[in-house]
N, C-alpha and C. Protein backbone atom coordinates (compact mmCIF):
# COMPACT_ATOMS: atom_id res chain seq x y z
N MET A 1 0.81 -1.20 0.00
CA MET A 1 0.00 0.00 0.00
C MET A 1 0.85 1.26 0.00
N SER A 2 2.05 1.19 0.60
CA SER A 2 2.85 2.40 0.72
C SER A 2 3.31 2.95 -0.62
N LEU A 3 3.34 2.09 -1.65
CA LEU A 3 3.80 2.54 -2.96
C LEU A 3 2.81 3.46 -3.66
N ILE A 4 1.62 3.62 -3.09
CA ILE A 4 0.62 4.53 -3.67
C ILE A 4 0.13 5.55 -2.63
N THR A 5 0.97 5.86 -1.67
CA THR A 5 0.60 6.81 -0.61
C THR A 5 0.24 8.17 -1.19
N ASP A 6 0.85 8.55 -2.30
CA ASP A 6 0.54 9.85 -2.90
C ASP A 6 -0.93 9.97 -3.27
N ALA A 7 -1.58 8.84 -3.54
CA ALA A 7 -2.99 8.87 -3.95
C ALA A 7 -3.89 9.44 -2.85
N ILE A 8 -3.58 9.18 -1.58
CA ILE A 8 -4.42 9.71 -0.50
C ILE A 8 -4.22 11.21 -0.35
N PHE A 9 -3.04 11.72 -0.68
CA PHE A 9 -2.81 13.17 -0.64
C PHE A 9 -3.62 13.85 -1.75
N VAL A 10 -3.65 13.23 -2.92
CA VAL A 10 -4.47 13.77 -4.02
C VAL A 10 -5.93 13.76 -3.62
N GLN A 11 -6.39 12.65 -3.05
CA GLN A 11 -7.79 12.55 -2.61
C GLN A 11 -8.11 13.61 -1.57
N ALA A 12 -7.20 13.82 -0.62
CA ALA A 12 -7.42 14.83 0.41
C ALA A 12 -7.56 16.22 -0.21
N LEU A 13 -6.66 16.58 -1.10
CA LEU A 13 -6.71 17.91 -1.72
C LEU A 13 -7.98 18.08 -2.55
N ARG A 14 -8.36 17.05 -3.27
CA ARG A 14 -9.57 17.11 -4.10
C ARG A 14 -10.83 17.23 -3.25
N SER A 15 -10.76 16.87 -1.99
CA SER A 15 -11.94 16.95 -1.12
C SER A 15 -12.29 18.38 -0.75
N ASN A 16 -11.36 19.31 -0.96
CA ASN A 16 -11.58 20.72 -0.62
C ASN A 16 -11.99 21.48 -1.88
N SER A 17 -13.29 21.66 -2.08
CA SER A 17 -13.79 22.31 -3.29
C SER A 17 -13.34 23.76 -3.39
N THR A 18 -13.19 24.43 -2.26
CA THR A 18 -12.71 25.82 -2.28
C THR A 18 -11.29 25.90 -2.81
N LEU A 19 -10.45 24.96 -2.39
CA LEU A 19 -9.08 24.89 -2.89
C LEU A 19 -9.07 24.59 -4.39
N MET A 20 -9.88 23.64 -4.82
CA MET A 20 -9.91 23.27 -6.24
C MET A 20 -10.35 24.44 -7.11
N GLN A 21 -11.25 25.29 -6.60
CA GLN A 21 -11.71 26.45 -7.36
C GLN A 21 -10.61 27.48 -7.56
N GLN A 22 -9.60 27.47 -6.71
CA GLN A 22 -8.48 28.42 -6.84
C GLN A 22 -7.51 28.03 -7.95
N LEU A 23 -7.55 26.76 -8.38
CA LEU A 23 -6.57 26.26 -9.35
C LEU A 23 -7.05 26.49 -10.78
N ALA A 24 -6.11 26.78 -11.66
CA ALA A 24 -6.45 27.10 -13.06
C ALA A 24 -7.24 25.98 -13.73
N ASP A 25 -6.84 24.73 -13.52
CA ASP A 25 -7.53 23.60 -14.14
C ASP A 25 -8.56 22.97 -13.22
N GLY A 26 -8.70 23.49 -12.01
CA GLY A 26 -9.69 22.98 -11.08
C GLY A 26 -9.40 21.59 -10.55
N ASP A 27 -8.14 21.15 -10.66
CA ASP A 27 -7.76 19.83 -10.20
C ASP A 27 -6.28 19.80 -9.83
N VAL A 28 -5.87 18.71 -9.19
CA VAL A 28 -4.50 18.49 -8.76
C VAL A 28 -3.83 17.55 -9.75
N TYR A 29 -2.58 17.83 -10.10
CA TYR A 29 -1.82 16.92 -10.95
C TYR A 29 -1.11 15.90 -10.06
N ASN A 30 -1.02 14.66 -10.56
CA ASN A 30 -0.30 13.63 -9.83
C ASN A 30 0.95 13.28 -10.63
N THR A 31 2.11 13.50 -10.06
CA THR A 31 3.44 13.22 -10.59
C THR A 31 3.96 14.32 -11.50
N THR A 32 3.18 14.77 -12.47
CA THR A 32 3.66 15.80 -13.39
C THR A 32 2.47 16.45 -14.10
N ILE A 33 2.75 17.53 -14.78
CA ILE A 33 1.77 18.12 -15.69
C ILE A 33 2.04 17.47 -17.04
N ALA A 34 1.09 16.77 -17.57
CA ALA A 34 1.28 16.00 -18.80
C ALA A 34 1.25 16.90 -20.03
N LEU A 35 2.34 17.61 -20.21
CA LEU A 35 2.52 18.46 -21.39
C LEU A 35 3.91 18.18 -21.97
N PRO A 36 4.09 18.34 -23.26
CA PRO A 36 5.45 18.24 -23.82
C PRO A 36 6.35 19.30 -23.18
N ASP A 37 7.63 18.99 -23.05
CA ASP A 37 8.58 19.88 -22.38
C ASP A 37 8.52 21.31 -22.91
N GLU A 38 8.39 21.46 -24.23
CA GLU A 38 8.40 22.80 -24.81
C GLU A 38 7.16 23.61 -24.43
N GLU A 39 6.10 22.94 -23.94
CA GLU A 39 4.88 23.63 -23.54
C GLU A 39 4.74 23.76 -22.02
N LEU A 40 5.65 23.13 -21.26
CA LEU A 40 5.50 23.09 -19.81
C LEU A 40 5.47 24.48 -19.18
N ASP A 41 6.23 25.41 -19.74
CA ASP A 41 6.23 26.77 -19.21
C ASP A 41 4.89 27.47 -19.43
N ASN A 42 4.04 26.88 -20.26
CA ASN A 42 2.74 27.49 -20.53
C ASN A 42 1.61 26.91 -19.68
N ALA A 43 1.93 26.03 -18.75
CA ALA A 43 0.89 25.49 -17.86
C ALA A 43 0.27 26.64 -17.09
N GLU A 44 -1.06 26.67 -17.07
CA GLU A 44 -1.76 27.77 -16.41
C GLU A 44 -1.54 27.75 -14.90
N LEU A 45 -1.41 28.94 -14.35
CA LEU A 45 -1.22 29.11 -12.91
C LEU A 45 -2.54 29.50 -12.26
N PRO A 46 -2.72 29.17 -11.01
CA PRO A 46 -1.88 28.35 -10.15
C PRO A 46 -2.15 26.86 -10.36
N TYR A 47 -1.18 26.03 -9.92
CA TYR A 47 -1.36 24.58 -9.99
C TYR A 47 -0.68 23.90 -8.81
N ILE A 48 -1.08 22.65 -8.60
CA ILE A 48 -0.52 21.80 -7.54
C ILE A 48 -0.11 20.48 -8.19
N ILE A 49 1.11 20.03 -7.86
CA ILE A 49 1.58 18.72 -8.31
C ILE A 49 1.94 17.90 -7.07
N VAL A 50 1.33 16.71 -6.95
CA VAL A 50 1.63 15.78 -5.86
C VAL A 50 2.52 14.69 -6.43
N SER A 51 3.65 14.40 -5.76
CA SER A 51 4.61 13.41 -6.26
C SER A 51 4.98 12.39 -5.20
N PHE A 52 5.13 11.15 -5.63
CA PHE A 52 5.68 10.09 -4.80
C PHE A 52 7.19 10.16 -4.99
N ASP A 53 7.93 10.46 -3.91
CA ASP A 53 9.37 10.68 -4.01
C ASP A 53 10.21 9.54 -3.47
N GLY A 54 9.61 8.36 -3.32
CA GLY A 54 10.36 7.19 -2.89
C GLY A 54 10.03 6.77 -1.47
N PHE A 55 10.66 5.67 -1.06
CA PHE A 55 10.43 5.16 0.29
C PHE A 55 11.64 4.39 0.77
N THR A 56 11.70 4.17 2.07
CA THR A 56 12.70 3.33 2.71
C THR A 56 11.97 2.41 3.67
N ASN A 57 12.30 1.12 3.61
CA ASN A 57 11.72 0.18 4.57
C ASN A 57 12.54 0.24 5.84
N GLU A 58 11.85 0.30 6.97
CA GLU A 58 12.49 0.45 8.28
C GLU A 58 12.72 -0.91 8.93
N GLY A 59 13.97 -1.41 8.86
CA GLY A 59 14.40 -2.58 9.61
C GLY A 59 13.74 -3.88 9.24
N SER A 60 13.76 -4.81 10.18
CA SER A 60 13.19 -6.13 9.99
C SER A 60 12.34 -6.49 11.20
N THR A 61 11.61 -7.58 11.09
CA THR A 61 10.76 -8.03 12.20
C THR A 61 11.13 -9.47 12.54
N LYS A 62 10.60 -9.99 13.63
CA LYS A 62 10.88 -11.38 14.01
C LYS A 62 10.29 -12.34 12.98
N ASP A 63 9.28 -11.90 12.25
CA ASP A 63 8.63 -12.75 11.25
C ASP A 63 9.26 -12.64 9.87
N ASN A 64 10.06 -11.60 9.63
CA ASN A 64 10.65 -11.38 8.31
C ASN A 64 12.02 -10.74 8.48
N ALA A 65 13.05 -11.46 8.13
CA ALA A 65 14.42 -10.97 8.29
C ALA A 65 14.82 -9.97 7.22
N PHE A 66 14.01 -9.80 6.19
CA PHE A 66 14.38 -8.94 5.08
C PHE A 66 13.71 -7.58 5.10
N GLU A 67 12.44 -7.53 5.47
CA GLU A 67 11.72 -6.26 5.47
C GLU A 67 10.99 -6.07 6.79
N GLY A 68 10.96 -4.81 7.22
CA GLY A 68 10.23 -4.47 8.42
C GLY A 68 8.77 -4.19 8.12
N ASP A 69 8.03 -3.84 9.16
CA ASP A 69 6.60 -3.61 8.97
C ASP A 69 6.24 -2.13 8.84
N THR A 70 7.26 -1.28 8.65
CA THR A 70 7.01 0.14 8.43
C THR A 70 7.83 0.64 7.25
N ASP A 71 7.18 1.34 6.34
CA ASP A 71 7.86 2.05 5.25
C ASP A 71 7.85 3.53 5.57
N ARG A 72 8.95 4.18 5.26
CA ARG A 72 9.05 5.64 5.39
C ARG A 72 8.93 6.20 3.97
N VAL A 73 7.74 6.73 3.65
CA VAL A 73 7.41 7.21 2.31
C VAL A 73 7.53 8.73 2.27
N THR A 74 8.08 9.25 1.18
CA THR A 74 8.18 10.69 1.00
C THR A 74 7.24 11.12 -0.13
N VAL A 75 6.36 12.06 0.20
CA VAL A 75 5.43 12.64 -0.76
C VAL A 75 5.66 14.14 -0.78
N SER A 76 5.76 14.71 -1.97
CA SER A 76 5.93 16.16 -2.06
C SER A 76 4.74 16.79 -2.76
N ILE A 77 4.46 18.02 -2.35
CA ILE A 77 3.38 18.80 -2.96
C ILE A 77 3.96 20.14 -3.38
N GLU A 78 4.04 20.33 -4.69
CA GLU A 78 4.57 21.58 -5.24
C GLU A 78 3.40 22.47 -5.65
N VAL A 79 3.48 23.72 -5.26
CA VAL A 79 2.47 24.70 -5.64
C VAL A 79 3.17 25.84 -6.38
N ALA A 80 2.60 26.23 -7.50
CA ALA A 80 3.09 27.39 -8.26
C ALA A 80 1.94 28.37 -8.44
N ALA A 81 2.26 29.66 -8.32
CA ALA A 81 1.23 30.69 -8.40
C ALA A 81 1.79 31.97 -9.02
N ASP A 82 0.86 32.84 -9.44
CA ASP A 82 1.25 34.11 -10.07
C ASP A 82 1.93 35.08 -9.11
N THR A 83 1.42 35.15 -7.88
CA THR A 83 1.92 36.13 -6.92
C THR A 83 2.34 35.46 -5.63
N ARG A 84 3.16 36.14 -4.87
CA ARG A 84 3.58 35.61 -3.58
C ARG A 84 2.41 35.49 -2.61
N PRO A 85 1.53 36.48 -2.50
CA PRO A 85 0.37 36.30 -1.60
C PRO A 85 -0.52 35.12 -2.01
N GLN A 86 -0.75 34.95 -3.32
CA GLN A 86 -1.56 33.84 -3.79
C GLN A 86 -0.90 32.51 -3.42
N LEU A 87 0.41 32.41 -3.60
CA LEU A 87 1.14 31.20 -3.23
C LEU A 87 0.98 30.91 -1.74
N GLY A 88 1.15 31.93 -0.91
CA GLY A 88 1.03 31.76 0.53
C GLY A 88 -0.34 31.25 0.94
N GLN A 89 -1.39 31.79 0.34
CA GLN A 89 -2.75 31.37 0.67
C GLN A 89 -2.99 29.92 0.26
N ILE A 90 -2.57 29.57 -0.95
CA ILE A 90 -2.78 28.19 -1.42
C ILE A 90 -1.97 27.22 -0.57
N MET A 91 -0.74 27.57 -0.24
CA MET A 91 0.09 26.68 0.59
C MET A 91 -0.56 26.45 1.95
N GLN A 92 -1.10 27.50 2.55
CA GLN A 92 -1.78 27.35 3.84
C GLN A 92 -3.01 26.45 3.69
N ASP A 93 -3.77 26.64 2.60
CA ASP A 93 -4.94 25.81 2.35
C ASP A 93 -4.55 24.34 2.13
N VAL A 94 -3.47 24.12 1.42
CA VAL A 94 -3.00 22.75 1.18
C VAL A 94 -2.64 22.09 2.51
N ARG A 95 -1.86 22.77 3.32
CA ARG A 95 -1.42 22.19 4.59
C ARG A 95 -2.59 21.89 5.51
N SER A 96 -3.50 22.83 5.65
CA SER A 96 -4.63 22.60 6.55
C SER A 96 -5.59 21.54 5.99
N THR A 97 -5.74 21.47 4.67
CA THR A 97 -6.59 20.45 4.07
C THR A 97 -6.06 19.05 4.35
N ILE A 98 -4.75 18.87 4.21
CA ILE A 98 -4.14 17.56 4.46
C ILE A 98 -4.37 17.13 5.90
N VAL A 99 -4.02 17.97 6.85
CA VAL A 99 -4.13 17.58 8.26
C VAL A 99 -5.60 17.35 8.64
N ASN A 100 -6.51 18.20 8.19
CA ASN A 100 -7.93 18.03 8.53
C ASN A 100 -8.50 16.75 7.93
N PHE A 101 -8.18 16.48 6.67
CA PHE A 101 -8.68 15.26 6.01
C PHE A 101 -8.16 14.02 6.72
N PHE A 102 -6.88 14.00 7.06
CA PHE A 102 -6.30 12.84 7.73
C PHE A 102 -6.90 12.65 9.13
N GLU A 103 -7.06 13.74 9.87
CA GLU A 103 -7.65 13.64 11.21
C GLU A 103 -9.09 13.14 11.16
N GLU A 104 -9.87 13.62 10.20
CA GLU A 104 -11.28 13.24 10.09
C GLU A 104 -11.47 11.80 9.63
N ASN A 105 -10.54 11.27 8.84
CA ASN A 105 -10.74 9.97 8.21
C ASN A 105 -9.81 8.86 8.69
N PHE A 106 -8.86 9.17 9.55
CA PHE A 106 -7.89 8.16 10.01
C PHE A 106 -8.63 6.99 10.68
N GLY A 107 -8.28 5.79 10.25
CA GLY A 107 -8.88 4.59 10.83
C GLY A 107 -10.22 4.21 10.23
N GLU A 108 -10.78 5.05 9.37
CA GLU A 108 -12.07 4.76 8.75
C GLU A 108 -11.90 3.80 7.57
N GLU A 109 -12.91 2.99 7.33
CA GLU A 109 -12.88 2.08 6.20
C GLU A 109 -12.78 2.86 4.90
N GLY A 110 -11.90 2.39 4.01
CA GLY A 110 -11.70 3.06 2.73
C GLY A 110 -10.59 4.10 2.74
N TYR A 111 -10.01 4.33 3.92
CA TYR A 111 -8.94 5.33 4.03
C TYR A 111 -7.65 4.72 4.58
N GLU A 112 -7.40 3.48 4.19
CA GLU A 112 -6.22 2.76 4.69
C GLU A 112 -4.90 3.37 4.24
N LEU A 113 -4.92 4.18 3.21
CA LEU A 113 -3.70 4.80 2.71
C LEU A 113 -3.23 5.99 3.57
N ILE A 114 -4.08 6.47 4.47
CA ILE A 114 -3.66 7.57 5.34
C ILE A 114 -2.49 7.09 6.18
N PRO A 115 -1.38 7.83 6.19
CA PRO A 115 -0.20 7.40 6.96
C PRO A 115 -0.50 7.29 8.45
N ASP A 116 0.25 6.41 9.12
CA ASP A 116 0.13 6.29 10.57
C ASP A 116 0.63 7.56 11.26
N ASP A 117 1.58 8.21 10.63
CA ASP A 117 2.19 9.42 11.18
C ASP A 117 2.94 10.11 10.05
N TYR A 118 3.21 11.40 10.20
CA TYR A 118 4.06 12.09 9.23
C TYR A 118 4.74 13.29 9.87
N GLN A 119 5.83 13.70 9.26
CA GLN A 119 6.48 14.96 9.56
C GLN A 119 6.47 15.76 8.26
N VAL A 120 6.20 17.06 8.38
CA VAL A 120 6.13 17.90 7.19
C VAL A 120 7.20 18.98 7.28
N ARG A 121 7.75 19.32 6.13
CA ARG A 121 8.71 20.43 6.05
C ARG A 121 8.45 21.18 4.75
N GLY A 122 8.81 22.44 4.74
CA GLY A 122 8.59 23.27 3.57
C GLY A 122 9.89 23.81 3.01
N SER A 123 9.95 23.92 1.71
CA SER A 123 11.12 24.49 1.05
C SER A 123 11.06 26.02 1.15
N ALA A 124 12.12 26.63 0.70
CA ALA A 124 12.11 28.09 0.55
C ALA A 124 11.12 28.46 -0.55
N VAL A 125 10.63 29.67 -0.50
CA VAL A 125 9.82 30.20 -1.60
C VAL A 125 10.78 30.62 -2.70
N ASN A 126 10.50 30.16 -3.92
CA ASN A 126 11.37 30.48 -5.05
C ASN A 126 10.58 31.21 -6.13
N TYR A 127 11.33 31.83 -7.04
CA TYR A 127 10.73 32.53 -8.16
C TYR A 127 11.38 32.03 -9.44
N ASP A 128 10.56 31.65 -10.40
CA ASP A 128 11.03 31.20 -11.71
C ASP A 128 10.74 32.32 -12.70
N SER A 129 11.76 33.04 -13.11
CA SER A 129 11.57 34.19 -13.99
C SER A 129 11.22 33.78 -15.42
N LEU A 130 11.49 32.54 -15.79
CA LEU A 130 11.19 32.10 -17.15
C LEU A 130 9.70 31.82 -17.35
N LYS A 131 9.00 31.40 -16.29
CA LYS A 131 7.59 31.06 -16.44
C LYS A 131 6.71 32.29 -16.53
N PRO A 132 6.69 33.28 -15.80
CA PRO A 132 7.21 33.49 -14.45
C PRO A 132 6.19 33.02 -13.40
N CYS A 133 6.72 32.60 -12.23
CA CYS A 133 5.85 32.19 -11.13
C CYS A 133 6.64 32.08 -9.82
N TYR A 134 5.90 32.11 -8.74
CA TYR A 134 6.44 31.80 -7.41
C TYR A 134 6.08 30.35 -7.13
N TYR A 135 6.97 29.63 -6.45
CA TYR A 135 6.65 28.24 -6.12
C TYR A 135 7.31 27.82 -4.81
N GLN A 136 6.72 26.79 -4.22
CA GLN A 136 7.19 26.25 -2.95
C GLN A 136 6.77 24.78 -2.90
N VAL A 137 7.50 23.99 -2.10
CA VAL A 137 7.22 22.57 -1.98
C VAL A 137 7.06 22.20 -0.51
N LEU A 138 5.98 21.47 -0.20
CA LEU A 138 5.82 20.83 1.10
C LEU A 138 6.24 19.38 0.93
N THR A 139 7.05 18.87 1.85
CA THR A 139 7.49 17.48 1.80
C THR A 139 6.99 16.76 3.04
N TYR A 140 6.30 15.66 2.82
CA TYR A 140 5.75 14.85 3.90
C TYR A 140 6.53 13.53 3.99
N ASP A 141 7.15 13.27 5.14
CA ASP A 141 7.80 12.00 5.41
C ASP A 141 6.83 11.18 6.24
N CYS A 142 6.29 10.11 5.63
CA CYS A 142 5.16 9.38 6.19
C CYS A 142 5.56 7.99 6.67
N ASP A 143 5.04 7.60 7.82
CA ASP A 143 5.15 6.22 8.29
C ASP A 143 3.92 5.47 7.82
N THR A 144 4.15 4.40 7.03
CA THR A 144 3.05 3.64 6.45
C THR A 144 3.33 2.15 6.61
N ASN A 145 2.33 1.35 6.28
CA ASN A 145 2.49 -0.10 6.25
C ASN A 145 2.75 -0.53 4.81
N PRO A 146 3.73 -1.44 4.63
CA PRO A 146 4.03 -1.90 3.26
C PRO A 146 2.84 -2.60 2.62
């Protein structure tokens, strides 16, 4: 299950209709914006990209000498926007949407992909003069079951 942890982040973000209305395409991209490289700079702003950035299995158990019962999965959420204030608002909405969705649905049937725990960190705010846009990334290090 941990290999698709990014899917629950996409589901969480899509659950916030107010957030979706702020996005140019009204939806979240998973992994990438599916455009040819030469058109990527023309992707409408603002947008959100959720990515699965890999995992590490934590140790071993008495029942399995090769893999442990916890995976440490990394999921990133990149947001790009026209202005710095717009970026800040969307980033705050993204962060609060994730935590609220996870708290409301943790342990419920159909939400098994919600991590057991996570730590979140944010990148610096950057500016891409070629697009142009402001962007920032939230990175979630999640404890999940393989």
